[in-house]
Amino acid sequence: MGQQVNFYLSPADLRALEERIRKCGEFLILHSRSPEAKPRIVSSLDFEENGEKWLFFFLVRPAELASIQMHEVAKQNYWAIDDLHSPVVEFTSWLPRRFQWIR
């Protein structure tokens, strides 16, 4: 069974956290969704696509990328990482809005 830790970060804190994690060793950032049955690697935890900020990612060591298991979400036409059976750390971000943190 996994463990969960919650904390809040400003956009500047998020960039600093990502930089600090990178100093600890190599890791890849995986998008929570993929259009195909393999993980989708993105460049940053502050990833935006089509003007939309993505909030759900997974972190994985490069050597374990081949161990990632995917499952199809056929009705919504995408693949998702099977986080129960894959060597990943889930990272969920937040959107700050008008002095409130929105989950």
PDB file of N, CA and C in Angstrom:
ATOM      1  N   MET A   1       0.839  -1.170   0.000  1.00  0.00           N
ATOM      2  CA  MET A   1       0.000   0.000   0.000  1.00  0.00           C
ATOM      3  C   MET A   1       0.888   1.238   0.000  1.00  0.00           C
ATOM      4  N   GLY A   2       0.516   2.246  -0.762  1.00  0.00           N
ATOM      5  CA  GLY A   2       1.307   3.454  -0.887  1.00  0.00           C
ATOM      6  C   GLY A   2       1.042   4.443   0.220  1.00  0.00           C
ATOM      7  N   GLN A   3       1.800   5.502   0.183  1.00  0.00           N
ATOM      8  CA  GLN A   3       1.638   6.583   1.137  1.00  0.00           C
ATOM      9  C   GLN A   3       1.344   7.859   0.372  1.00  0.00           C
ATOM     10  N   GLN A   4       0.634   8.761   1.005  1.00  0.00           N
ATOM     11  CA  GLN A   4       0.248  10.013   0.358  1.00  0.00           C
ATOM     12  C   GLN A   4       0.723  11.184   1.194  1.00  0.00           C
ATOM     13  N   VAL A   5       1.293  12.172   0.507  1.00  0.00           N
ATOM     14  CA  VAL A   5       1.710  13.409   1.153  1.00  0.00           C
ATOM     15  C   VAL A   5       1.110  14.550   0.350  1.00  0.00           C
ATOM     16  N   ASN A   6       0.463  15.486   1.024  1.00  0.00           N
ATOM     17  CA  ASN A   6      -0.123  16.649   0.353  1.00  0.00           C
ATOM     18  C   ASN A   6       0.583  17.909   0.826  1.00  0.00           C
ATOM     19  N   PHE A   7       0.902  18.777  -0.106  1.00  0.00           N
ATOM     20  CA  PHE A   7       1.413  20.099   0.227  1.00  0.00           C
ATOM     21  C   PHE A   7       1.082  21.021  -0.918  1.00  0.00           C
ATOM     22  N   TYR A   8       1.105  22.310  -0.657  1.00  0.00           N
ATOM     23  CA  TYR A   8       0.700  23.313  -1.633  1.00  0.00           C
ATOM     24  C   TYR A   8       1.919  24.087  -2.112  1.00  0.00           C
ATOM     25  N   LEU A   9       1.961  24.372  -3.415  1.00  0.00           N
ATOM     26  CA  LEU A   9       3.091  25.070  -4.022  1.00  0.00           C
ATOM     27  C   LEU A   9       2.601  26.208  -4.896  1.00  0.00           C
ATOM     28  N   SER A  10       3.312  27.305  -4.850  1.00  0.00           N
ATOM     29  CA  SER A  10       3.068  28.370  -5.820  1.00  0.00           C
ATOM     30  C   SER A  10       3.730  27.943  -7.131  1.00  0.00           C
ATOM     31  N   PRO A  11       3.449  28.606  -8.243  1.00  0.00           N
ATOM     32  CA  PRO A  11       4.142  28.267  -9.496  1.00  0.00           C
ATOM     33  C   PRO A  11       5.664  28.331  -9.357  1.00  0.00           C
ATOM     34  N   ALA A  12       6.177  29.297  -8.623  1.00  0.00           N
ATOM     35  CA  ALA A  12       7.632  29.390  -8.413  1.00  0.00           C
ATOM     36  C   ALA A  12       8.134  28.208  -7.580  1.00  0.00           C
ATOM     37  N   ASP A  13       7.344  27.817  -6.575  1.00  0.00           N
ATOM     38  CA  ASP A  13       7.712  26.664  -5.752  1.00  0.00           C
ATOM     39  C   ASP A  13       7.744  25.390  -6.584  1.00  0.00           C
ATOM     40  N   LEU A  14       6.787  25.250  -7.506  1.00  0.00           N
ATOM     41  CA  LEU A  14       6.737  24.070  -8.362  1.00  0.00           C
ATOM     42  C   LEU A  14       8.002  23.967  -9.204  1.00  0.00           C
ATOM     43  N   ARG A  15       8.428  25.076  -9.793  1.00  0.00           N
ATOM     44  CA  ARG A  15       9.661  25.067 -10.590  1.00  0.00           C
ATOM     45  C   ARG A  15      10.867  24.708  -9.718  1.00  0.00           C
ATOM     46  N   ALA A  16      10.911  25.258  -8.517  1.00  0.00           N
ATOM     47  CA  ALA A  16      12.030  24.959  -7.605  1.00  0.00           C
ATOM     48  C   ALA A  16      12.018  23.488  -7.187  1.00  0.00           C
ATOM     49  N   LEU A  17      10.835  22.942  -6.917  1.00  0.00           N
ATOM     50  CA  LEU A  17      10.729  21.530  -6.547  1.00  0.00           C
ATOM     51  C   LEU A  17      11.219  20.635  -7.675  1.00  0.00           C
ATOM     52  N   GLU A  18      10.786  20.924  -8.888  1.00  0.00           N
ATOM     53  CA  GLU A  18      11.209  20.105 -10.024  1.00  0.00           C
ATOM     54  C   GLU A  18      12.733  20.161 -10.188  1.00  0.00           C
ATOM     55  N   GLU A  19      13.302  21.331 -10.014  1.00  0.00           N
ATOM     56  CA  GLU A  19      14.758  21.487 -10.113  1.00  0.00           C
ATOM     57  C   GLU A  19      15.472  20.674  -9.026  1.00  0.00           C
ATOM     58  N   ARG A  20      14.946  20.718  -7.816  1.00  0.00           N
ATOM     59  CA  ARG A  20      15.559  19.960  -6.712  1.00  0.00           C
ATOM     60  C   ARG A  20      15.457  18.456  -6.950  1.00  0.00           C
ATOM     61  N   ILE A  21      14.314  17.996  -7.453  1.00  0.00           N
ATOM     62  CA  ILE A  21      14.158  16.568  -7.738  1.00  0.00           C
ATOM     63  C   ILE A  21      15.163  16.149  -8.807  1.00  0.00           C
ATOM     64  N   ARG A  22      15.340  16.968  -9.821  1.00  0.00           N
ATOM     65  CA  ARG A  22      16.294  16.650 -10.899  1.00  0.00           C
ATOM     66  C   ARG A  22      17.725  16.523 -10.360  1.00  0.00           C
ATOM     67  N   LYS A  23      18.062  17.265  -9.325  1.00  0.00           N
ATOM     68  CA  LYS A  23      19.397  17.171  -8.730  1.00  0.00           C
ATOM     69  C   LYS A  23      19.613  15.846  -7.999  1.00  0.00           C
ATOM     70  N   CYS A  24      18.519  15.186  -7.620  1.00  0.00           N
ATOM     71  CA  CYS A  24      18.618  13.901  -6.907  1.00  0.00           C
ATOM     72  C   CYS A  24      18.902  12.735  -7.837  1.00  0.00           C
ATOM     73  N   GLY A  25      18.615  12.897  -9.101  1.00  0.00           N
ATOM     74  CA  GLY A  25      18.821  11.819 -10.068  1.00  0.00           C
ATOM     75  C   GLY A  25      17.902  11.979 -11.252  1.00  0.00           C
ATOM     76  N   GLU A  26      18.176  11.186 -12.249  1.00  0.00           N
ATOM     77  CA  GLU A  26      17.371  11.267 -13.471  1.00  0.00           C
ATOM     78  C   GLU A  26      15.959  10.745 -13.233  1.00  0.00           C
ATOM     79  N   PHE A  27      15.003  11.418 -13.823  1.00  0.00           N
ATOM     80  CA  PHE A  27      13.631  10.939 -13.820  1.00  0.00           C
ATOM     81  C   PHE A  27      12.911  11.493 -15.035  1.00  0.00           C
ATOM     82  N   LEU A  28      11.848  10.829 -15.398  1.00  0.00           N
ATOM     83  CA  LEU A  28      10.998  11.263 -16.510  1.00  0.00           C
ATOM     84  C   LEU A  28       9.649  11.678 -15.941  1.00  0.00           C
ATOM     85  N   ILE A  29       9.025  12.621 -16.622  1.00  0.00           N
ATOM     86  CA  ILE A  29       7.681  13.058 -16.260  1.00  0.00           C
ATOM     87  C   ILE A  29       6.738  12.486 -17.300  1.00  0.00           C
ATOM     88  N   LEU A  30       5.776  11.736 -16.846  1.00  0.00           N
ATOM     89  CA  LEU A  30       4.810  11.104 -17.749  1.00  0.00           C
ATOM     90  C   LEU A  30       3.460  11.797 -17.618  1.00  0.00           C
ATOM     91  N   HIS A  31       2.862  12.074 -18.746  1.00  0.00           N
ATOM     92  CA  HIS A  31       1.514  12.631 -18.798  1.00  0.00           C
ATOM     93  C   HIS A  31       0.548  11.565 -18.290  1.00  0.00           C
ATOM     94  N   SER A  32      -0.514  11.964 -17.663  1.00  0.00           N
ATOM     95  CA  SER A  32      -1.464  10.986 -17.132  1.00  0.00           C
ATOM     96  C   SER A  32      -2.253  10.260 -18.221  1.00  0.00           C
ATOM     97  N   ARG A  33      -2.290  10.840 -19.417  1.00  0.00           N
ATOM     98  CA  ARG A  33      -3.012  10.222 -20.542  1.00  0.00           C
ATOM     99  C   ARG A  33      -2.100  10.112 -21.756  1.00  0.00           C
ATOM    100  N   SER A  34      -2.358   9.099 -22.557  1.00  0.00           N
ATOM    101  CA  SER A  34      -1.588   8.907 -23.778  1.00  0.00           C
ATOM    102  C   SER A  34      -2.537   8.469 -24.895  1.00  0.00           C
ATOM    103  N   PRO A  35      -2.306   8.922 -26.122  1.00  0.00           N
ATOM    104  CA  PRO A  35      -3.167   8.488 -27.222  1.00  0.00           C
ATOM    105  C   PRO A  35      -2.862   7.065 -27.692  1.00  0.00           C
ATOM    106  N   GLU A  36      -1.781   6.482 -27.171  1.00  0.00           N
ATOM    107  CA  GLU A  36      -1.407   5.118 -27.565  1.00  0.00           C
ATOM    108  C   GLU A  36      -1.014   4.312 -26.336  1.00  0.00           C
ATOM    109  N   ALA A  37      -0.755   3.034 -26.517  1.00  0.00           N
ATOM    110  CA  ALA A  37      -0.504   2.112 -25.408  1.00  0.00           C
ATOM    111  C   ALA A  37       0.921   2.186 -24.873  1.00  0.00           C
ATOM    112  N   LYS A  38       1.503   3.370 -24.886  1.00  0.00           N
ATOM    113  CA  LYS A  38       2.817   3.570 -24.271  1.00  0.00           C
ATOM    114  C   LYS A  38       2.801   4.917 -23.561  1.00  0.00           C
ATOM    115  N   PRO A  39       3.621   5.072 -22.523  1.00  0.00           N
ATOM    116  CA  PRO A  39       3.614   6.322 -21.757  1.00  0.00           C
ATOM    117  C   PRO A  39       4.018   7.516 -22.614  1.00  0.00           C
ATOM    118  N   ARG A  40       3.437   8.638 -22.304  1.00  0.00           N
ATOM    119  CA  ARG A  40       3.737   9.892 -22.998  1.00  0.00           C
ATOM    120  C   ARG A  40       4.634  10.752 -22.099  1.00  0.00           C
ATOM    121  N   ILE A  41       5.847  11.015 -22.548  1.00  0.00           N
ATOM    122  CA  ILE A  41       6.810  11.792 -21.783  1.00  0.00           C
ATOM    123  C   ILE A  41       6.610  13.272 -22.093  1.00  0.00           C
ATOM    124  N   VAL A  42       6.586  14.086 -21.044  1.00  0.00           N
ATOM    125  CA  VAL A  42       6.486  15.541 -21.202  1.00  0.00           C
ATOM    126  C   VAL A  42       7.716  16.184 -20.557  1.00  0.00           C
ATOM    127  N   SER A  43       7.924  17.459 -20.836  1.00  0.00           N
ATOM    128  CA  SER A  43       9.157  18.121 -20.434  1.00  0.00           C
ATOM    129  C   SER A  43       9.146  18.703 -19.024  1.00  0.00           C
ATOM    130  N   SER A  44       7.960  18.935 -18.465  1.00  0.00           N
ATOM    131  CA  SER A  44       7.904  19.669 -17.208  1.00  0.00           C
ATOM    132  C   SER A  44       6.633  19.345 -16.436  1.00  0.00           C
ATOM    133  N   LEU A  45       6.674  19.568 -15.127  1.00  0.00           N
ATOM    134  CA  LEU A  45       5.471  19.442 -14.297  1.00  0.00           C
ATOM    135  C   LEU A  45       4.521  20.607 -14.509  1.00  0.00           C
ATOM    136  N   ASP A  46       4.997  21.633 -15.199  1.00  0.00           N
ATOM    137  CA  ASP A  46       4.190  22.819 -15.515  1.00  0.00           C
ATOM    138  C   ASP A  46       3.759  22.750 -16.981  1.00  0.00           C
ATOM    139  N   PHE A  47       3.258  21.596 -17.394  1.00  0.00           N
ATOM    140  CA  PHE A  47       2.954  21.308 -18.791  1.00  0.00           C
ATOM    141  C   PHE A  47       1.585  21.861 -19.192  1.00  0.00           C
ATOM    142  N   GLU A  48       1.569  22.551 -20.330  1.00  0.00           N
ATOM    143  CA  GLU A  48       0.316  23.048 -20.905  1.00  0.00           C
ATOM    144  C   GLU A  48       0.182  22.518 -22.319  1.00  0.00           C
ATOM    145  N   GLU A  49      -1.068  22.291 -22.718  1.00  0.00           N
ATOM    146  CA  GLU A  49      -1.354  21.803 -24.067  1.00  0.00           C
ATOM    147  C   GLU A  49      -2.663  22.422 -24.526  1.00  0.00           C
ATOM    148  N   ASN A  50      -2.641  23.036 -25.692  1.00  0.00           N
ATOM    149  CA  ASN A  50      -3.827  23.701 -26.240  1.00  0.00           C
ATOM    150  C   ASN A  50      -4.421  24.702 -25.248  1.00  0.00           C
ATOM    151  N   GLY A  51      -3.557  25.422 -24.549  1.00  0.00           N
ATOM    152  CA  GLY A  51      -3.997  26.429 -23.603  1.00  0.00           C
ATOM    153  C   GLY A  51      -4.517  25.887 -22.280  1.00  0.00           C
ATOM    154  N   GLU A  52      -4.432  24.586 -22.075  1.00  0.00           N
ATOM    155  CA  GLU A  52      -4.935  23.955 -20.854  1.00  0.00           C
ATOM    156  C   GLU A  52      -3.761  23.429 -20.029  1.00  0.00           C
ATOM    157  N   LYS A  53      -3.723  23.782 -18.756  1.00  0.00           N
ATOM    158  CA  LYS A  53      -2.678  23.291 -17.864  1.00  0.00           C
ATOM    159  C   LYS A  53      -3.073  21.900 -17.376  1.00  0.00           C
ATOM    160  N   TRP A  54      -2.183  20.933 -17.582  1.00  0.00           N
ATOM    161  CA  TRP A  54      -2.437  19.578 -17.103  1.00  0.00           C
ATOM    162  C   TRP A  54      -2.023  19.474 -15.657  1.00  0.00           C
ATOM    163  N   LEU A  55      -2.769  18.731 -14.876  1.00  0.00           N
ATOM    164  CA  LEU A  55      -2.547  18.659 -13.438  1.00  0.00           C
ATOM    165  C   LEU A  55      -2.112  17.289 -12.940  1.00  0.00           C
ATOM    166  N   PHE A  56      -2.183  16.267 -13.774  1.00  0.00           N
ATOM    167  CA  PHE A  56      -1.913  14.898 -13.321  1.00  0.00           C
ATOM    168  C   PHE A  56      -0.741  14.295 -14.090  1.00  0.00           C
ATOM    169  N   PHE A  57       0.299  13.917 -13.333  1.00  0.00           N
ATOM    170  CA  PHE A  57       1.516  13.366 -13.918  1.00  0.00           C
ATOM    171  C   PHE A  57       2.003  12.185 -13.091  1.00  0.00           C
ATOM    172  N   PHE A  58       2.986  11.491 -13.648  1.00  0.00           N
ATOM    173  CA  PHE A  58       3.676  10.429 -12.931  1.00  0.00           C
ATOM    174  C   PHE A  58       5.170  10.631 -13.128  1.00  0.00           C
ATOM    175  N   LEU A  59       5.946  10.328 -12.094  1.00  0.00           N
ATOM    176  CA  LEU A  59       7.394  10.395 -12.165  1.00  0.00           C
ATOM    177  C   LEU A  59       7.932   8.972 -12.183  1.00  0.00           C
ATOM    178  N   VAL A  60       8.944   8.740 -13.016  1.00  0.00           N
ATOM    179  CA  VAL A  60       9.528   7.408 -13.129  1.00  0.00           C
ATOM    180  C   VAL A  60      11.009   7.540 -13.464  1.00  0.00           C
ATOM    181  N   ARG A  61      11.803   6.602 -12.977  1.00  0.00           N
ATOM    182  CA  ARG A  61      13.215   6.562 -13.355  1.00  0.00           C
ATOM    183  C   ARG A  61      13.314   6.012 -14.774  1.00  0.00           C
ATOM    184  N   PRO A  62      14.228   6.543 -15.582  1.00  0.00           N
ATOM    185  CA  PRO A  62      14.338   6.078 -16.981  1.00  0.00           C
ATOM    186  C   PRO A  62      14.509   4.568 -17.109  1.00  0.00           C
ATOM    187  N   ALA A  63      15.251   3.953 -16.206  1.00  0.00           N
ATOM    188  CA  ALA A  63      15.481   2.508 -16.275  1.00  0.00           C
ATOM    189  C   ALA A  63      14.203   1.701 -16.070  1.00  0.00           C
ATOM    190  N   GLU A  64      13.167   2.318 -15.496  1.00  0.00           N
ATOM    191  CA  GLU A  64      11.922   1.604 -15.219  1.00  0.00           C
ATOM    192  C   GLU A  64      10.809   1.930 -16.214  1.00  0.00           C
ATOM    193  N   LEU A  65      11.115   2.720 -17.223  1.00  0.00           N
ATOM    194  CA  LEU A  65      10.093   3.113 -18.197  1.00  0.00           C
ATOM    195  C   LEU A  65       9.458   1.893 -18.869  1.00  0.00           C
ATOM    196  N   ALA A  66      10.266   0.879 -19.184  1.00  0.00           N
ATOM    197  CA  ALA A  66       9.742  -0.322 -19.848  1.00  0.00           C
ATOM    198  C   ALA A  66       8.804  -1.126 -18.946  1.00  0.00           C
ATOM    199  N   SER A  67       8.836  -0.886 -17.642  1.00  0.00           N
ATOM    200  CA  SER A  67       7.987  -1.614 -16.695  1.00  0.00           C
ATOM    201  C   SER A  67       6.608  -0.976 -16.517  1.00  0.00           C
ATOM    202  N   ILE A  68       6.385   0.171 -17.144  1.00  0.00           N
ATOM    203  CA  ILE A  68       5.100   0.864 -17.005  1.00  0.00           C
ATOM    204  C   ILE A  68       4.009   0.053 -17.695  1.00  0.00           C
ATOM    205  N   GLN A  69       2.926  -0.176 -16.981  1.00  0.00           N
ATOM    206  CA  GLN A  69       1.777  -0.872 -17.554  1.00  0.00           C
ATOM    207  C   GLN A  69       0.685   0.159 -17.848  1.00  0.00           C
ATOM    208  N   MET A  70       0.041  -0.021 -18.980  1.00  0.00           N
ATOM    209  CA  MET A  70      -1.018   0.893 -19.420  1.00  0.00           C
ATOM    210  C   MET A  70      -2.343   0.146 -19.480  1.00  0.00           C
ATOM    211  N   HIS A  71      -3.423   0.889 -19.330  1.00  0.00           N
ATOM    212  CA  HIS A  71      -4.745   0.303 -19.563  1.00  0.00           C
ATOM    213  C   HIS A  71      -5.553   1.278 -20.416  1.00  0.00           C
ATOM    214  N   GLU A  72      -6.373   0.707 -21.276  1.00  0.00           N
ATOM    215  CA  GLU A  72      -7.144   1.517 -22.214  1.00  0.00           C
ATOM    216  C   GLU A  72      -8.432   2.022 -21.572  1.00  0.00           C
ATOM    217  N   VAL A  73      -8.718   3.295 -21.825  1.00  0.00           N
ATOM    218  CA  VAL A  73     -10.002   3.891 -21.455  1.00  0.00           C
ATOM    219  C   VAL A  73     -10.720   4.100 -22.789  1.00  0.00           C
ATOM    220  N   ALA A  74     -11.272   3.020 -23.296  1.00  0.00           N
ATOM    221  CA  ALA A  74     -11.785   2.975 -24.666  1.00  0.00           C
ATOM    222  C   ALA A  74     -12.891   3.995 -24.940  1.00  0.00           C
ATOM    223  N   LYS A  75     -13.803   4.166 -24.014  1.00  0.00           N
ATOM    224  CA  LYS A  75     -14.919   5.085 -24.244  1.00  0.00           C
ATOM    225  C   LYS A  75     -14.473   6.543 -24.344  1.00  0.00           C
ATOM    226  N   GLN A  76     -13.293   6.859 -23.778  1.00  0.00           N
ATOM    227  CA  GLN A  76     -12.789   8.229 -23.847  1.00  0.00           C
ATOM    228  C   GLN A  76     -11.581   8.339 -24.774  1.00  0.00           C
ATOM    229  N   ASN A  77     -11.249   7.224 -25.422  1.00  0.00           N
ATOM    230  CA  ASN A  77     -10.232   7.200 -26.478  1.00  0.00           C
ATOM    231  C   ASN A  77      -8.829   7.615 -26.002  1.00  0.00           C
ATOM    232  N   TYR A  78      -8.385   7.068 -24.872  1.00  0.00           N
ATOM    233  CA  TYR A  78      -7.010   7.294 -24.437  1.00  0.00           C
ATOM    234  C   TYR A  78      -6.533   6.115 -23.602  1.00  0.00           C
ATOM    235  N   TRP A  79      -5.251   6.094 -23.342  1.00  0.00           N
ATOM    236  CA  TRP A  79      -4.625   5.094 -22.489  1.00  0.00           C
ATOM    237  C   TRP A  79      -4.167   5.782 -21.218  1.00  0.00           C
ATOM    238  N   ALA A  80      -4.201   5.076 -20.106  1.00  0.00           N
ATOM    239  CA  ALA A  80      -3.783   5.619 -18.812  1.00  0.00           C
ATOM    240  C   ALA A  80      -2.748   4.692 -18.173  1.00  0.00           C
ATOM    241  N   ILE A  81      -1.912   5.256 -17.348  1.00  0.00           N
ATOM    242  CA  ILE A  81      -0.913   4.466 -16.634  1.00  0.00           C
ATOM    243  C   ILE A  81      -1.594   3.692 -15.515  1.00  0.00           C
ATOM    244  N   ASP A  82      -1.275   2.420 -15.419  1.00  0.00           N
ATOM    245  CA  ASP A  82      -1.775   1.581 -14.334  1.00  0.00           C
ATOM    246  C   ASP A  82      -0.869   1.823 -13.127  1.00  0.00           C
ATOM    247  N   ASP A  83      -1.246   2.792 -12.311  1.00  0.00           N
ATOM    248  CA  ASP A  83      -0.366   3.197 -11.207  1.00  0.00           C
ATOM    249  C   ASP A  83      -0.291   2.170 -10.085  1.00  0.00           C
ATOM    250  N   LEU A  84      -1.192   1.217 -10.039  1.00  0.00           N
ATOM    251  CA  LEU A  84      -1.118   0.171  -9.022  1.00  0.00           C
ATOM    252  C   LEU A  84      -0.067  -0.886  -9.353  1.00  0.00           C
ATOM    253  N   HIS A  85       0.239  -1.036 -10.642  1.00  0.00           N
ATOM    254  CA  HIS A  85       1.168  -2.077 -11.073  1.00  0.00           C
ATOM    255  C   HIS A  85       2.394  -1.529 -11.791  1.00  0.00           C
ATOM    256  N   SER A  86       2.639  -0.250 -11.668  1.00  0.00           N
ATOM    257  CA  SER A  86       3.771   0.395 -12.332  1.00  0.00           C
ATOM    258  C   SER A  86       4.643   1.111 -11.298  1.00  0.00           C
ATOM    259  N   PRO A  87       5.964   1.149 -11.535  1.00  0.00           N
ATOM    260  CA  PRO A  87       6.890   1.788 -10.586  1.00  0.00           C
ATOM    261  C   PRO A  87       6.913   3.314 -10.756  1.00  0.00           C
ATOM    262  N   VAL A  88       5.834   3.964 -10.372  1.00  0.00           N
ATOM    263  CA  VAL A  88       5.698   5.407 -10.571  1.00  0.00           C
ATOM    264  C   VAL A  88       5.343   6.108  -9.261  1.00  0.00           C
ATOM    265  N   VAL A  89       5.604   7.404  -9.244  1.00  0.00           N
ATOM    266  CA  VAL A  89       5.151   8.283  -8.172  1.00  0.00           C
ATOM    267  C   VAL A  89       4.137   9.226  -8.808  1.00  0.00           C
ATOM    268  N   GLU A  90       2.940   9.275  -8.246  1.00  0.00           N
ATOM    269  CA  GLU A  90       1.904  10.150  -8.774  1.00  0.00           C
ATOM    270  C   GLU A  90       2.160  11.580  -8.315  1.00  0.00           C
ATOM    271  N   PHE A  91       1.986  12.523  -9.230  1.00  0.00           N
ATOM    272  CA  PHE A  91       2.138  13.943  -8.901  1.00  0.00           C
ATOM    273  C   PHE A  91       0.898  14.660  -9.400  1.00  0.00           C
ATOM    274  N   THR A  92       0.148  15.232  -8.491  1.00  0.00           N
ATOM    275  CA  THR A  92      -1.051  15.982  -8.829  1.00  0.00           C
ATOM    276  C   THR A  92      -0.828  17.438  -8.477  1.00  0.00           C
ATOM    277  N   SER A  93      -1.023  18.300  -9.437  1.00  0.00           N
ATOM    278  CA  SER A  93      -0.843  19.725  -9.226  1.00  0.00           C
ATOM    279  C   SER A  93      -2.179  20.370  -8.901  1.00  0.00           C
ATOM    280  N   TRP A  94      -2.154  21.676  -8.692  1.00  0.00           N
ATOM    281  CA  TRP A  94      -3.344  22.445  -8.335  1.00  0.00           C
ATOM    282  C   TRP A  94      -3.388  23.710  -9.171  1.00  0.00           C
ATOM    283  N   LEU A  95      -4.548  24.296  -9.262  1.00  0.00           N
ATOM    284  CA  LEU A  95      -4.702  25.580  -9.943  1.00  0.00           C
ATOM    285  C   LEU A  95      -5.047  26.661  -8.935  1.00  0.00           C
ATOM    286  N   PRO A  96      -4.163  27.626  -8.736  1.00  0.00           N
ATOM    287  CA  PRO A  96      -4.526  28.730  -7.841  1.00  0.00           C
ATOM    288  C   PRO A  96      -5.493  29.681  -8.548  1.00  0.00           C
ATOM    289  N   ARG A  97      -6.575  30.034  -7.890  1.00  0.00           N
ATOM    290  CA  ARG A  97      -7.560  30.954  -8.479  1.00  0.00           C
ATOM    291  C   ARG A  97      -8.052  31.923  -7.423  1.00  0.00           C
ATOM    292  N   ARG A  98      -7.801  33.173  -7.656  1.00  0.00           N
ATOM    293  CA  ARG A  98      -8.315  34.239  -6.787  1.00  0.00           C
ATOM    294  C   ARG A  98      -8.122  33.942  -5.316  1.00  0.00           C
ATOM    295  N   PHE A  99      -6.879  33.684  -4.942  1.00  0.00           N
ATOM    296  CA  PHE A  99      -6.494  33.477  -3.556  1.00  0.00           C
ATOM    297  C   PHE A  99      -7.031  32.187  -2.957  1.00  0.00           C
ATOM    298  N   GLN A 100      -7.517  31.275  -3.777  1.00  0.00           N
ATOM    299  CA  GLN A 100      -7.955  29.972  -3.294  1.00  0.00           C
ATOM    300  C   GLN A 100      -7.176  28.923  -4.068  1.00  0.00           C
ATOM    301  N   TRP A 101      -6.980  27.789  -3.425  1.00  0.00           N
ATOM    302  CA  TRP A 101      -6.355  26.661  -4.128  1.00  0.00           C
ATOM    303  C   TRP A 101      -7.475  25.713  -4.542  1.00  0.00           C
ATOM    304  N   ILE A 102      -7.526  25.426  -5.821  1.00  0.00           N
ATOM    305  CA  ILE A 102      -8.568  24.552  -6.358  1.00  0.00           C
ATOM    306  C   ILE A 102      -7.942  23.213  -6.670  1.00  0.00           C
ATOM    307  N   ARG A 103      -8.521  22.163  -6.198  1.00  0.00           N
ATOM    308  CA  ARG A 103      -7.986  20.830  -6.434  1.00  0.00           C
ATOM    309  C   ARG A 103      -8.517  20.280  -7.718  1.00  0.00           C
TER     310      ARG A 103
END
